C-alpha atoms as a PDB file:
ATOM      1  CA  MET A   1     113.554  99.419  89.389  1.00  0.00           C
ATOM      2  CA  LYS A   2     114.842 101.959  91.901  1.00  0.00           C
ATOM      3  CA  THR A   3     111.922 102.970  94.074  1.00  0.00           C
ATOM      4  CA  LYS A   4     111.583 106.632  94.968  1.00  0.00           C
ATOM      5  CA  LEU A   5     111.296 106.452  98.721  1.00  0.00           C
ATOM      6  CA  SER A   6     109.719 109.875  98.955  1.00  0.00           C
ATOM      7  CA  LEU A   7     106.803 108.638  96.876  1.00  0.00           C
ATOM      8  CA  LEU A   8     106.385 104.910  96.948  1.00  0.00           C
ATOM      9  CA  CYS A   9     105.806 102.779 100.011  1.00  0.00           C
ATOM     10  CA  LEU A  10     106.823  99.163  99.672  1.00  0.00           C
ATOM     11  CA  PRO A  11     103.683  97.079 100.313  1.00  0.00           C
ATOM     12  CA  LEU A  12     105.016  94.849 103.074  1.00  0.00           C
ATOM     13  CA  VAL A  13     101.816  92.912 103.228  1.00  0.00           C
ATOM     14  CA  ALA A  14     100.229  91.236 100.220  1.00  0.00           C
ATOM     15  CA  ALA A  15     100.784  93.409  97.194  1.00  0.00           C
ATOM     16  CA  LEU A  16      97.286  92.535  96.065  1.00  0.00           C
ATOM     17  CA  SER A  17      95.373  93.457  99.179  1.00  0.00           C
ATOM     18  CA  TRP A  18      92.162  95.294  98.467  1.00  0.00           C
ATOM     19  CA  CYS A  19      89.976  98.076  99.700  1.00  0.00           C
ATOM     20  CA  SER A  20      86.440  96.816 100.234  1.00  0.00           C
ATOM     21  CA  VAL A  21      83.824  99.313  99.162  1.00  0.00           C
ATOM     22  CA  ALA A  22      81.148  99.717 101.823  1.00  0.00           C
ATOM     23  CA  TYR A  23      78.764 102.362 100.510  1.00  0.00           C
ATOM     24  CA  GLY A  24      79.249 104.203  97.262  1.00  0.00           C
ATOM     25  CA  ALA A  25      82.692 105.785  97.297  1.00  0.00           C
ATOM     26  CA  GLU A  26      83.340 104.820 100.909  1.00  0.00           C
ATOM     27  CA  PHE A  27      85.902 102.164 101.703  1.00  0.00           C
ATOM     28  CA  ALA A  28      86.028  99.668 104.523  1.00  0.00           C
ATOM     29  CA  ILE A  29      88.007 100.477 107.666  1.00  0.00           C
ATOM     30  CA  THR A  30      88.143  98.001 110.542  1.00  0.00           C
ATOM     31  CA  PRO A  31      88.858  99.273 114.072  1.00  0.00           C
ATOM     32  CA  LEU A  32      90.619  97.115 116.634  1.00  0.00           C
ATOM     33  CA  ARG A  33      90.508  98.393 120.212  1.00  0.00           C
ATOM     34  CA  LEU A  34      93.721  97.770 122.125  1.00  0.00           C
ATOM     35  CA  SER A  35      92.484  99.575 125.239  1.00  0.00           C
ATOM     36  CA  PRO A  36      89.912 102.216 126.201  1.00  0.00           C
ATOM     37  CA  ARG A  37      92.201 104.932 124.838  1.00  0.00           C
ATOM     38  CA  VAL A  38      94.000 103.222 121.916  1.00  0.00           C
ATOM     39  CA  ALA A  39      92.696 101.676 118.718  1.00  0.00           C
ATOM     40  CA  VAL A  40      94.205 100.564 115.416  1.00  0.00           C
ATOM     41  CA  PHE A  41      92.227 101.253 112.255  1.00  0.00           C
ATOM     42  CA  TYR A  42      93.004  98.836 109.436  1.00  0.00           C
ATOM     43  CA  GLY A  43      92.233  99.763 105.875  1.00  0.00           C
ATOM     44  CA  ASP A  44      93.496  99.311 102.382  1.00  0.00           C
ATOM     45  CA  PRO A  45      95.181  99.563 100.067  1.00  0.00           C
ATOM     46  CA  TRP A  46      98.130  97.737 101.620  1.00  0.00           C
ATOM     47  CA  ASP A  47      96.400  97.217 104.949  1.00  0.00           C
ATOM     48  CA  ASN A  48      97.790 100.216 106.790  1.00  0.00           C
ATOM     49  CA  GLY A  49      97.329 100.133 110.543  1.00  0.00           C
ATOM     50  CA  ILE A  50      96.534 103.698 111.621  1.00  0.00           C
ATOM     51  CA  VAL A  51      96.832 104.145 115.392  1.00  0.00           C
ATOM     52  CA  ALA A  52      94.703 106.615 117.334  1.00  0.00           C
ATOM     53  CA  ILE A  53      95.327 107.544 120.970  1.00  0.00           C
ATOM     54  CA  ALA A  54      92.707 109.325 123.065  1.00  0.00           C
ATOM     55  CA  THR A  55      94.409 111.658 125.545  1.00  0.00           C
ATOM     56  CA  PRO A  56      93.234 114.441 127.859  1.00  0.00           C
ATOM     57  CA  LYS A  57      94.928 116.878 125.471  1.00  0.00           C
ATOM     58  CA  GLY A  58      93.172 115.561 122.370  1.00  0.00           C
ATOM     59  CA  MET A  59      93.322 112.745 119.833  1.00  0.00           C
ATOM     60  CA  VAL A  60      96.731 111.741 118.494  1.00  0.00           C
ATOM     61  CA  VAL A  61      96.896 109.893 115.158  1.00  0.00           C
ATOM     62  CA  VAL A  62      99.896 108.033 113.771  1.00  0.00           C
ATOM     63  CA  ASP A  63     100.272 108.188 109.966  1.00  0.00           C
ATOM     64  CA  ALA A  64      98.038 109.398 107.155  1.00  0.00           C
ATOM     65  CA  PRO A  65      98.044 107.089 104.129  1.00  0.00           C
ATOM     66  CA  PHE A  66      98.073 107.771 100.404  1.00  0.00           C
ATOM     67  CA  SER A  67      95.810 110.739  99.771  1.00  0.00           C
ATOM     68  CA  GLN A  68      93.558 113.285 101.446  1.00  0.00           C
ATOM     69  CA  THR A  69      90.350 111.360 100.749  1.00  0.00           C
ATOM     70  CA  ILE A  70      91.764 108.076 102.008  1.00  0.00           C
ATOM     71  CA  SER A  71      93.072 109.682 105.200  1.00  0.00           C
ATOM     72  CA  GLN A  72      89.896 111.675 105.704  1.00  0.00           C
ATOM     73  CA  GLY A  73      88.098 108.340 105.745  1.00  0.00           C
ATOM     74  CA  PHE A  74      90.380 107.145 108.532  1.00  0.00           C
ATOM     75  CA  ARG A  75      89.902 110.414 110.411  1.00  0.00           C
ATOM     76  CA  GLU A  76      86.129 110.044 110.243  1.00  0.00           C
ATOM     77  CA  ALA A  77      86.350 106.417 111.386  1.00  0.00           C
ATOM     78  CA  ILE A  78      88.444 107.495 114.378  1.00  0.00           C
ATOM     79  CA  GLN A  79      85.936 110.203 115.241  1.00  0.00           C
ATOM     80  CA  VAL A  80      83.043 107.722 115.121  1.00  0.00           C
ATOM     81  CA  GLU A  81      84.874 105.088 117.189  1.00  0.00           C
ATOM     82  CA  PHE A  82      85.951 107.470 119.949  1.00  0.00           C
ATOM     83  CA  LYS A  83      83.014 109.885 119.664  1.00  0.00           C
ATOM     84  CA  ARG A  84      85.518 112.760 119.713  1.00  0.00           C
ATOM     85  CA  ASN A  85      86.737 115.223 117.133  1.00  0.00           C
ATOM     86  CA  ASP A  86      89.339 117.094 119.168  1.00  0.00           C
ATOM     87  CA  PHE A  87      92.313 116.056 117.053  1.00  0.00           C
ATOM     88  CA  ALA A  88      95.545 117.367 118.574  1.00  0.00           C
ATOM     89  CA  TYR A  89      98.491 115.878 116.641  1.00  0.00           C
ATOM     90  CA  LEU A  90      99.306 113.791 113.593  1.00  0.00           C
ATOM     91  CA  ILE A  91     102.607 111.893 113.798  1.00  0.00           C
ATOM     92  CA  ASN A  92     104.376 110.508 110.712  1.00  0.00           C
ATOM     93  CA  THR A  93     106.577 107.429 111.201  1.00  0.00           C
ATOM     94  CA  HIS A  94     108.433 107.778 107.882  1.00  0.00           C
ATOM     95  CA  GLU A  95     108.236 109.453 104.518  1.00  0.00           C
ATOM     96  CA  HIS A  96     106.580 106.836 102.289  1.00  0.00           C
ATOM     97  CA  VAL A  97     103.365 107.882 100.598  1.00  0.00           C
ATOM     98  CA  CYS A  98     101.357 105.224 102.425  1.00  0.00           C
ATOM     99  CA  HIS A  99     102.208 107.091 105.638  1.00  0.00           C
ATOM    100  CA  VAL A 100     102.304 110.769 104.652  1.00  0.00           C
ATOM    101  CA  GLY A 101     100.328 111.037 101.410  1.00  0.00           C
ATOM    102  CA  GLY A 102      97.177 111.952 103.322  1.00  0.00           C
ATOM    103  CA  ASN A 103      98.670 114.603 105.605  1.00  0.00           C
ATOM    104  CA  ALA A 104      96.359 117.182 104.029  1.00  0.00           C
ATOM    105  CA  ALA A 105      93.468 115.593 105.934  1.00  0.00           C
ATOM    106  CA  TYR A 106      95.153 116.886 109.117  1.00  0.00           C
ATOM    107  CA  ALA A 107      96.383 120.247 107.861  1.00  0.00           C
ATOM    108  CA  ASP A 108      94.354 121.934 110.618  1.00  0.00           C
ATOM    109  CA  ILE A 109      96.500 120.484 113.435  1.00  0.00           C
ATOM    110  CA  PRO A 110     100.235 120.207 114.204  1.00  0.00           C
ATOM    111  CA  ILE A 111     101.995 117.443 112.261  1.00  0.00           C
ATOM    112  CA  VAL A 112     105.051 115.900 113.916  1.00  0.00           C
ATOM    113  CA  GLY A 113     107.883 114.127 112.120  1.00  0.00           C
ATOM    114  CA  HIS A 114     111.618 113.730 112.055  1.00  0.00           C
ATOM    115  CA  GLU A 115     113.514 116.580 110.408  1.00  0.00           C
ATOM    116  CA  SER A 116     114.642 114.220 107.612  1.00  0.00           C
ATOM    117  CA  LEU A 117     110.996 113.412 106.909  1.00  0.00           C
ATOM    118  CA  ARG A 118     110.199 117.057 106.339  1.00  0.00           C
ATOM    119  CA  ARG A 119     113.232 117.333 104.067  1.00  0.00           C
ATOM    120  CA  GLU A 120     112.231 114.270 102.037  1.00  0.00           C
ATOM    121  CA  MET A 121     108.645 115.471 101.664  1.00  0.00           C
ATOM    122  CA  LEU A 122     109.690 118.922 100.496  1.00  0.00           C
ATOM    123  CA  LYS A 123     112.006 117.286  97.974  1.00  0.00           C
ATOM    124  CA  ALA A 124     109.162 115.050  96.782  1.00  0.00           C
ATOM    125  CA  GLY A 125     106.979 118.115  96.323  1.00  0.00           C
ATOM    126  CA  THR A 126     109.349 119.427  93.648  1.00  0.00           C
ATOM    127  CA  ASP A 127     109.532 116.121  91.774  1.00  0.00           C
ATOM    128  CA  PRO A 128     107.615 116.406  88.461  1.00  0.00           C
ATOM    129  CA  GLN A 129     107.144 112.620  88.504  1.00  0.00           C
ATOM    130  CA  ARG A 130     105.306 112.552  91.827  1.00  0.00           C
ATOM    131  CA  VAL A 131     101.809 112.622  90.317  1.00  0.00           C
ATOM    132  CA  PRO A 132     102.536 110.546  87.186  1.00  0.00           C
ATOM    133  CA  ASP A 133     104.249 107.897  89.298  1.00  0.00           C
ATOM    134  CA  MET A 134     101.286 107.603  91.648  1.00  0.00           C
ATOM    135  CA  LEU A 135      98.837 107.369  88.763  1.00  0.00           C
ATOM    136  CA  ALA A 136     101.003 104.682  87.178  1.00  0.00           C
ATOM    137  CA  LEU A 137     101.332 102.777  90.449  1.00  0.00           C
ATOM    138  CA  SER A 138      97.559 102.794  90.849  1.00  0.00           C
ATOM    139  CA  ASP A 139      97.047 101.445  87.337  1.00  0.00           C
ATOM    140  CA  GLN A 140      99.705  98.798  87.963  1.00  0.00           C
ATOM    141  CA  GLN A 141      98.048  97.663  91.194  1.00  0.00           C
ATOM    142  CA  ILE A 142      94.621  97.472  89.533  1.00  0.00           C
ATOM    143  CA  GLY A 143      96.069  95.422  86.690  1.00  0.00           C
ATOM    144  CA  ALA A 144      98.001  93.150  89.027  1.00  0.00           C
ATOM    145  CA  ALA A 145      94.880  92.481  91.087  1.00  0.00           C
ATOM    146  CA  ARG A 146      92.841  91.700  87.986  1.00  0.00           C
ATOM    147  CA  GLU A 147      95.478  89.238  86.739  1.00  0.00           C
ATOM    148  CA  TYR A 148      95.888  87.637  90.153  1.00  0.00           C
ATOM    149  CA  PHE A 149      92.166  86.962  90.483  1.00  0.00           C
ATOM    150  CA  ARG A 150      91.940  85.780  86.889  1.00  0.00           C
ATOM    151  CA  LYS A 151      94.514  83.091  87.642  1.00  0.00           C
ATOM    152  CA  LYS A 152      93.784  82.276  91.288  1.00  0.00           C
ATOM    153  CA  ASP A 153      90.142  83.048  92.033  1.00  0.00           C
ATOM    154  CA  PRO A 154      88.044  84.198  89.043  1.00  0.00           C
ATOM    155  CA  LYS A 155      84.887  84.464  91.158  1.00  0.00           C
ATOM    156  CA  LYS A 156      86.328  87.540  92.843  1.00  0.00           C
ATOM    157  CA  LEU A 157      86.176  89.332  89.503  1.00  0.00           C
ATOM    158  CA  GLU A 158      82.392  89.138  89.837  1.00  0.00           C
ATOM    159  CA  ASP A 159      81.633  89.236  93.580  1.00  0.00           C
ATOM    160  CA  GLY A 160      82.751  92.806  94.245  1.00  0.00           C
ATOM    161  CA  SER A 161      86.246  92.027  95.507  1.00  0.00           C
ATOM    162  CA  PHE A 162      87.985  93.334  92.412  1.00  0.00           C
ATOM    163  CA  ALA A 163      85.587  96.276  92.189  1.00  0.00           C
ATOM    164  CA  GLY A 164      86.685  97.199  95.681  1.00  0.00           C
ATOM    165  CA  ILE A 165      90.350  97.211  94.700  1.00  0.00           C
ATOM    166  CA  GLU A 166      89.682  99.282  91.619  1.00  0.00           C
ATOM    167  CA  GLN A 167      87.504 101.742  93.507  1.00  0.00           C
ATOM    168  CA  CYS A 168      90.104 102.344  96.187  1.00  0.00           C
ATOM    169  CA  TRP A 169      92.933 103.048  93.743  1.00  0.00           C
ATOM    170  CA  LYS A 170      90.675 105.269  91.653  1.00  0.00           C
ATOM    171  CA  ILE A 171      89.927 107.364  94.735  1.00  0.00           C
ATOM    172  CA  ILE A 172      93.677 107.873  95.101  1.00  0.00           C
ATOM    173  CA  GLN A 173      94.037 108.680  91.406  1.00  0.00           C
ATOM    174  CA  ALA A 174      91.257 111.258  91.569  1.00  0.00           C
ATOM    175  CA  ASP A 175      93.034 112.998  94.446  1.00  0.00           C
ATOM    176  CA  TYR A 176      96.375 113.024  92.636  1.00  0.00           C
ATOM    177  CA  ARG A 177      94.947 114.300  89.378  1.00  0.00           C
ATOM    178  CA  GLY A 178      94.307 117.498  91.300  1.00  0.00           C
ATOM    179  CA  ASN A 179      98.089 117.773  91.833  1.00  0.00           C
ATOM    180  CA  PRO A 180      97.706 118.054  95.605  1.00  0.00           C
ATOM    181  CA  PRO A 181     100.384 119.930  97.532  1.00  0.00           C
ATOM    182  CA  VAL A 182     102.728 118.079  99.841  1.00  0.00           C
ATOM    183  CA  VAL A 183     101.887 118.769 103.500  1.00  0.00           C
ATOM    184  CA  PRO A 184     105.082 118.239 105.536  1.00  0.00           C
ATOM    185  CA  PRO A 185     105.454 118.152 109.324  1.00  0.00           C
ATOM    186  CA  THR A 186     105.122 121.485 111.095  1.00  0.00           C
ATOM    187  CA  ILE A 187     106.996 120.252 114.184  1.00  0.00           C
ATOM    188  CA  THR A 188     110.277 118.378 113.755  1.00  0.00           C
ATOM    189  CA  PHE A 189     112.852 116.786 116.030  1.00  0.00           C
ATOM    190  CA  ASP A 190     116.405 115.419 115.798  1.00  0.00           C
ATOM    191  CA  ARG A 191     116.975 112.320 117.975  1.00  0.00           C
ATOM    192  CA  GLU A 192     114.029 112.184 120.371  1.00  0.00           C
ATOM    193  CA  MET A 193     110.860 114.038 121.251  1.00  0.00           C
ATOM    194  CA  THR A 194     108.198 113.405 123.893  1.00  0.00           C
ATOM    195  CA  LEU A 195     104.618 114.658 123.777  1.00  0.00           C
ATOM    196  CA  HIS A 196     103.219 115.093 127.302  1.00  0.00           C
ATOM    197  CA  LEU A 197      99.475 114.645 127.008  1.00  0.00           C
ATOM    198  CA  GLY A 198      98.071 114.456 130.503  1.00  0.00           C
ATOM    199  CA  ASP A 199      98.062 110.837 131.630  1.00  0.00           C
ATOM    200  CA  VAL A 200      99.642 109.687 128.361  1.00  0.00           C
ATOM    201  CA  THR A 201     103.140 110.279 127.025  1.00  0.00           C
ATOM    202  CA  VAL A 202     104.111 109.631 123.431  1.00  0.00           C
ATOM    203  CA  ARG A 203     107.851 109.224 122.924  1.00  0.00           C
ATOM    204  CA  LEU A 204     109.327 109.514 119.421  1.00  0.00           C
ATOM    205  CA  MET A 205     112.781 108.037 118.758  1.00  0.00           C
ATOM    206  CA  TYR A 206     114.650 108.431 115.478  1.00  0.00           C
ATOM    207  CA  TYR A 207     115.797 105.039 114.132  1.00  0.00           C
ATOM    208  CA  GLY A 208     116.499 106.143 110.584  1.00  0.00           C
ATOM    209  CA  CYS A 209     117.796 104.966 107.214  1.00  0.00           C
ATOM    210  CA  ALA A 210     116.436 101.439 107.305  1.00  0.00           C
ATOM    211  CA  HIS A 211     112.999 100.891 105.748  1.00  0.00           C
ATOM    212  CA  GLY A 212     112.748 104.639 105.172  1.00  0.00           C
ATOM    213  CA  VAL A 213     115.056 107.590 105.641  1.00  0.00           C
ATOM    214  CA  ALA A 214     113.032 108.933 108.558  1.00  0.00           C
ATOM    215  CA  ASP A 215     112.105 105.725 110.411  1.00  0.00           C
ATOM    216  CA  THR A 216     110.716 106.659 113.819  1.00  0.00           C
ATOM    217  CA  VAL A 217     109.917 104.275 116.684  1.00  0.00           C
ATOM    218  CA  ILE A 218     107.086 105.431 118.949  1.00  0.00           C
ATOM    219  CA  SER A 219     106.657 104.287 122.541  1.00  0.00           C
ATOM    220  CA  ILE A 220     103.534 104.834 124.633  1.00  0.00           C
ATOM    221  CA  PRO A 221     104.644 103.637 128.092  1.00  0.00           C
ATOM    222  CA  GLU A 222     101.257 103.931 129.803  1.00  0.00           C
ATOM    223  CA  GLU A 223      99.830 101.552 127.191  1.00  0.00           C
ATOM    224  CA  ASN A 224     102.858  99.226 127.120  1.00  0.00           C
ATOM    225  CA  LEU A 225     102.772  99.750 123.369  1.00  0.00           C
ATOM    226  CA  VAL A 226     105.547 100.288 120.804  1.00  0.00           C
ATOM    227  CA  LEU A 227     104.942 101.305 117.186  1.00  0.00           C
ATOM    228  CA  THR A 228     107.835 100.443 114.884  1.00  0.00           C
ATOM    229  CA  GLY A 229     106.569 101.665 111.515  1.00  0.00           C
ATOM    230  CA  GLY A 230     108.031  99.664 108.647  1.00  0.00           C
ATOM    231  CA  VAL A 231     111.164  98.445 110.415  1.00  0.00           C
ATOM    232  CA  PHE A 232     110.138  94.863 111.338  1.00  0.00           C
ATOM    233  CA  TYR A 233     107.433  92.434 110.210  1.00  0.00           C
ATOM    234  CA  PRO A 234     106.775  88.934 111.584  1.00  0.00           C
ATOM    235  CA  THR A 235     106.402  87.239 108.208  1.00  0.00           C
ATOM    236  CA  HIS A 236     110.005  87.159 107.002  1.00  0.00           C
ATOM    237  CA  VAL A 237     113.664  87.712 107.838  1.00  0.00           C
ATOM    238  CA  PRO A 238     114.174  91.351 108.904  1.00  0.00           C
ATOM    239  CA  ILE A 239     115.119  93.656 106.037  1.00  0.00           C
ATOM    240  CA  ALA A 240     117.994  96.115 106.487  1.00  0.00           C
ATOM    241  CA  GLY A 241     116.985  98.519 103.770  1.00  0.00           C
ATOM    242  CA  PRO A 242     116.300  99.874 101.237  1.00  0.00           C
ATOM    243  CA  ALA A 243     117.113 103.286 102.742  1.00  0.00           C
ATOM    244  CA  THR A 244     120.516 102.071 103.922  1.00  0.00           C
ATOM    245  CA  GLU A 245     121.859 103.868 100.848  1.00  0.00           C
ATOM    246  CA  GLU A 246     121.537 107.008 102.968  1.00  0.00           C
ATOM    247  CA  ALA A 247     122.850 105.349 106.156  1.00  0.00           C
ATOM    248  CA  THR A 248     126.240 105.809 107.777  1.00  0.00           C
ATOM    249  CA  PRO A 249     127.978 103.406 110.191  1.00  0.00           C
ATOM    250  CA  GLU A 250     126.999 105.755 113.015  1.00  0.00           C
ATOM    251  CA  ILE A 251     123.318 105.571 112.066  1.00  0.00           C
ATOM    252  CA  VAL A 252     123.367 101.765 111.951  1.00  0.00           C
ATOM    253  CA  ASP A 253     125.050 101.704 115.368  1.00  0.00           C
ATOM    254  CA  HIS A 254     122.238 103.952 116.563  1.00  0.00           C
ATOM    255  CA  TRP A 255     119.626 101.381 115.468  1.00  0.00           C
ATOM    256  CA  PHE A 256     120.744  99.169 118.310  1.00  0.00           C
ATOM    257  CA  VAL A 257     120.901 101.986 120.834  1.00  0.00           C
ATOM    258  CA  VAL A 258     117.250 102.741 120.086  1.00  0.00           C
ATOM    259  CA  MET A 259     116.031  99.166 120.049  1.00  0.00           C
ATOM    260  CA  HIS A 260     117.960  98.045 123.123  1.00  0.00           C
ATOM    261  CA  GLY A 261     116.495 101.003 124.983  1.00  0.00           C
ATOM    262  CA  VAL A 262     112.996 100.032 123.870  1.00  0.00           C
ATOM    263  CA  LEU A 263     113.534  96.383 124.758  1.00  0.00           C
ATOM    264  CA  ASN A 264     114.984  97.222 128.157  1.00  0.00           C
ATOM    265  CA  ASP A 265     111.770  99.073 128.980  1.00  0.00           C
ATOM    266  CA  ALA A 266     109.552  96.302 127.607  1.00  0.00           C
ATOM    267  CA  ASN A 267     108.182  93.194 129.284  1.00  0.00           C
ATOM    268  CA  GLU A 268     106.415  90.031 128.168  1.00  0.00           C
ATOM    269  CA  ASN A 269     103.141  91.971 127.868  1.00  0.00           C
ATOM    270  CA  THR A 270     104.473  94.794 125.699  1.00  0.00           C
ATOM    271  CA  ARG A 271     102.760  94.943 122.319  1.00  0.00           C
ATOM    272  CA  PHE A 272     104.845  95.771 119.250  1.00  0.00           C
ATOM    273  CA  LEU A 273     102.847  96.979 116.288  1.00  0.00           C
ATOM    274  CA  PRO A 274     104.126  97.182 112.680  1.00  0.00           C
ATOM    275  CA  SER A 275     102.514  99.708 110.380  1.00  0.00           C
ATOM    276  CA  HIS A 276     101.068  97.250 107.837  1.00  0.00           C
ATOM    277  CA  GLY A 277      99.273  93.982 108.392  1.00  0.00           C
ATOM    278  CA  ARG A 278      97.307  92.850 111.402  1.00  0.00           C
ATOM    279  CA  ALA A 279      99.980  91.177 113.506  1.00  0.00           C
ATOM    280  CA  ILE A 280     100.651  92.290 117.057  1.00  0.00           C
ATOM    281  CA  MET A 281     104.162  91.165 117.907  1.00  0.00           C
ATOM    282  CA  LYS A 282     105.734  90.336 121.251  1.00  0.00           C
ATOM    283  CA  LYS A 283     109.029  91.340 122.806  1.00  0.00           C
ATOM    284  CA  GLU A 284     110.549  87.908 122.176  1.00  0.00           C
ATOM    285  CA  GLN A 285     110.355  88.304 118.414  1.00  0.00           C
ATOM    286  CA  TYR A 286     111.822  91.801 118.533  1.00  0.00           C
ATOM    287  CA  VAL A 287     114.701  90.508 120.662  1.00  0.00           C
ATOM    288  CA  GLN A 288     115.392  87.908 117.973  1.00  0.00           C
ATOM    289  CA  PHE A 289     115.183  90.428 115.129  1.00  0.00           C
ATOM    290  CA  VAL A 290     117.493  92.926 116.831  1.00  0.00           C
ATOM    291  CA  SER A 291     119.935  90.139 117.727  1.00  0.00           C
ATOM    292  CA  TYR A 292     120.032  88.989 114.094  1.00  0.00           C
ATOM    293  CA  LEU A 293     120.726  92.438 112.684  1.00  0.00           C
ATOM    294  CA  GLU A 294     123.292  93.278 115.351  1.00  0.00           C
ATOM    295  CA  LYS A 295     125.200  90.007 114.845  1.00  0.00           C
ATOM    296  CA  LEU A 296     125.073  90.453 111.075  1.00  0.00           C
ATOM    297  CA  TRP A 297     126.341  94.025 111.351  1.00  0.00           C
ATOM    298  CA  GLU A 298     129.243  92.932 113.542  1.00  0.00           C
ATOM    299  CA  GLY A 299     130.012  90.026 111.221  1.00  0.00           C
ATOM    300  CA  VAL A 300     130.154  92.254 108.164  1.00  0.00           C
ATOM    301  CA  ARG A 301     132.263  94.773 110.060  1.00  0.00           C
ATOM    302  CA  ARG A 302     134.784  92.075 111.128  1.00  0.00           C
ATOM    303  CA  ALA A 303     135.003  90.625 107.642  1.00  0.00           C
ATOM    304  CA  GLN A 304     135.613  93.973 106.014  1.00  0.00           C
ATOM    305  CA  ALA A 305     138.219  94.895 108.625  1.00  0.00           C
ATOM    306  CA  ALA A 306     139.997  91.585 107.920  1.00  0.00           C
ATOM    307  CA  GLY A 307     140.208  92.405 104.225  1.00  0.00           C
ATOM    308  CA  LYS A 308     137.628  89.843 103.089  1.00  0.00           C
ATOM    309  CA  THR A 309     135.756  90.340  99.860  1.00  0.00           C
ATOM    310  CA  LEU A 310     131.991  90.698  99.751  1.00  0.00           C
ATOM    311  CA  GLU A 311     131.610  87.182  98.380  1.00  0.00           C
ATOM    312  CA  GLN A 312     133.857  85.754 101.080  1.00  0.00           C
ATOM    313  CA  THR A 313     131.781  87.595 103.663  1.00  0.00           C
ATOM    314  CA  LYS A 314     128.567  86.110 102.314  1.00  0.00           C
ATOM    315  CA  ALA A 315     130.088  82.641 102.435  1.00  0.00           C
ATOM    316  CA  GLU A 316     131.152  83.160 106.052  1.00  0.00           C
ATOM    317  CA  LEU A 317     127.763  84.502 107.150  1.00  0.00           C
ATOM    318  CA  PRO A 318     125.093  82.093 105.870  1.00  0.00           C
ATOM    319  CA  LEU A 319     121.571  82.480 107.192  1.00  0.00           C
ATOM    320  CA  THR A 320     121.953  79.179 109.039  1.00  0.00           C
ATOM    321  CA  ASN A 321     124.403  80.951 111.374  1.00  0.00           C
ATOM    322  CA  PHE A 322     121.495  83.033 112.669  1.00  0.00           C
ATOM    323  CA  PRO A 323     119.053  80.656 114.362  1.00  0.00           C
ATOM    324  CA  GLU A 324     117.013  83.644 115.598  1.00  0.00           C
ATOM    325  CA  VAL A 325     115.509  84.036 112.130  1.00  0.00           C
ATOM    326  CA  ALA A 326     116.770  81.101 110.047  1.00  0.00           C
ATOM    327  CA  LYS A 327     113.363  79.401 109.973  1.00  0.00           C
ATOM    328  CA  LEU A 328     111.527  82.462 108.683  1.00  0.00           C
ATOM    329  CA  PRO A 329     110.863  82.976 104.963  1.00  0.00           C
ATOM    330  CA  ASN A 330     113.911  84.580 103.344  1.00  0.00           C
ATOM    331  CA  GLU A 331     112.028  86.277 100.556  1.00  0.00           C
ATOM    332  CA  GLU A 332     109.376  88.945 100.166  1.00  0.00           C
ATOM    333  CA  LEU A 333     106.777  89.819  97.526  1.00  0.00           C
ATOM    334  CA  ARG A 334     107.903  87.267  94.944  1.00  0.00           C
ATOM    335  CA  GLY A 335     106.483  88.018  91.527  1.00  0.00           C
ATOM    336  CA  THR A 336     106.006  91.737  92.113  1.00  0.00           C
ATOM    337  CA  GLN A 337     108.148  94.710  91.171  1.00  0.00           C
ATOM    338  CA  TRP A 338     109.330  94.851  94.799  1.00  0.00           C
ATOM    339  CA  GLU A 339     110.393  91.229  95.131  1.00  0.00           C
ATOM    340  CA  ILE A 340     113.385  90.261  97.273  1.00  0.00           C
ATOM    341  CA  LEU A 341     114.384  86.661  96.613  1.00  0.00           C
ATOM    342  CA  ASP A 342     117.132  86.489  99.253  1.00  0.00           C
ATOM    343  CA  ILE A 343     116.644  88.996 102.073  1.00  0.00           C
ATOM    344  CA  HIS A 344     119.698  87.839 104.025  1.00  0.00           C
ATOM    345  CA  GLN A 345     122.081  88.235 101.098  1.00  0.00           C
ATOM    346  CA  GLN A 346     120.602  91.643 100.301  1.00  0.00           C
ATOM    347  CA  ASN A 347     121.106  92.680 103.923  1.00  0.00           C
ATOM    348  CA  ILE A 348     124.807  91.843 103.643  1.00  0.00           C
ATOM    349  CA  ASP A 349     125.015  93.873 100.431  1.00  0.00           C
ATOM    350  CA  HIS A 350     123.381  96.869 102.125  1.00  0.00           C
ATOM    351  CA  LEU A 351     125.513  96.751 105.257  1.00  0.00           C
ATOM    352  CA  TRP A 352     128.704  96.243 103.224  1.00  0.00           C
ATOM    353  CA  LYS A 353     127.968  99.457 101.332  1.00  0.00           C
ATOM    354  CA  VAL A 354     127.289 101.342 104.561  1.00  0.00           C
ATOM    355  CA  LEU A 355     130.672 100.344 105.939  1.00  0.00           C
ATOM    356  CA  GLY A 356     132.318 101.521 102.726  1.00  0.00           C
ATOM    357  CA  LYS A 357     131.300 105.119 103.401  1.00  0.00           C
END
């Protein structure tokens, strides 16, 4: 199934994660303080990590998941945690619905995103399948959770765990049945943009056409913190896609310009934060991931220049040639509609197509 990137966000954590219902229609959100001025707010579905930064110029929030009600819940949690309601900016890291679907909860403040993100959101707003697809996805996730618990842990069908999943997706469905408008960024940038916020700077760098079309890496130097959206996760071999269909060789080359710049500014204490799941990664793992992708890119480029076929290229570039990542799981989301059973081979396929442009 070809996923519509403007609508569906690949759940890069467990596809059957759930939203725990706290009180009535409320859903559980767990804050994790990284410093006096930065916290990550984890909540489902799909365990988004929403980052909030307290600055002298106001609160800055990174990403707004799924729907207005879901994101309003995160906004309220941020306000309670920081005891402030002076929201200044929302930043979107990429165009998937689990990052921009709740932008309406921040329609009263400037929303910042890459120019391609605005374009993708406006295109999604004209898609007649946007609402039906989200309703269908919600039903699918409810059904998948029910079946998973039936087979693996039937007690969770009775202890409130499944009710929490169902409740969370039904909140999203209720929002989408109202055919909500798309709320795109009001401030866009091309390659880089820096927000100067008193004693905090927030630097946005376009990575692009990897996990999403509008992938943006965010650096907060004063916090020694880097947010990399959906680009890298610690649980498997790095994935070069699926948005590489829109990539060009120049864009892929730019991946390494961005990441080498970030890594050059980092140290052993720099925290790298993906946008789903609760891992906080270190520089060492990012060095390994970037090295893997860069070596693979150069290998595919050399093979194609030498007139090799795709199959010959795959034979010459086995995963064992990349010790940086060879011991990591080489699959993702087995048994779901988003499964990748051989990430490394898929990466070669993606990069081969990019070079053919």
